[in-house]
Amino acid sequence: MLDCSEDLIASVLDCAFEVHRELGPGLLESVYEYAMAVELAEKHIAFERQVAIDVVYKGRSLGLGSRADIVVDGRLLVELKAVDALSPYHLAQTMTYLRLLKLKRGLLLNFNKRLMKEGIKRVAL
């Protein structure tokens, strides 16, 4: 399993704060994803968007078609939400993605909060 540094997490959180400062709450998740991509690129942080997650069972792909929002530097999962409140489902989804992507750390970011710091959940396996 791949781990990441606190510096990388801090850099990604800086991007999230900037996006939230510029756009505020109340938009679609996809808007925040595009904006995060702009911020990460401007800071020269390597990332991939909409990363396919394949579940293999007994050598066969189950073809479930799940996608992680953003994977930063191949080491940090970033799942974005724009909901009133994060639910146990959102946490379970993030934990599942971490496991299937063989990553140790993730951020679950809910942009639909008055203050971004209220929408940050660190997740670790």
Foldseek 3Di string as FASTA:
>chain_A
DAADDPVVVVLLVVQLQVLCVVPNADDFQVVSLVSSVVSCVVVVWDKDAFAFQWDADPNRTPPPGHTFGMDTPLAEGEHEARDPDDDVVLLVVVVVRCVRSVYFKYWYWHRNDRHRVVGIDIDGD
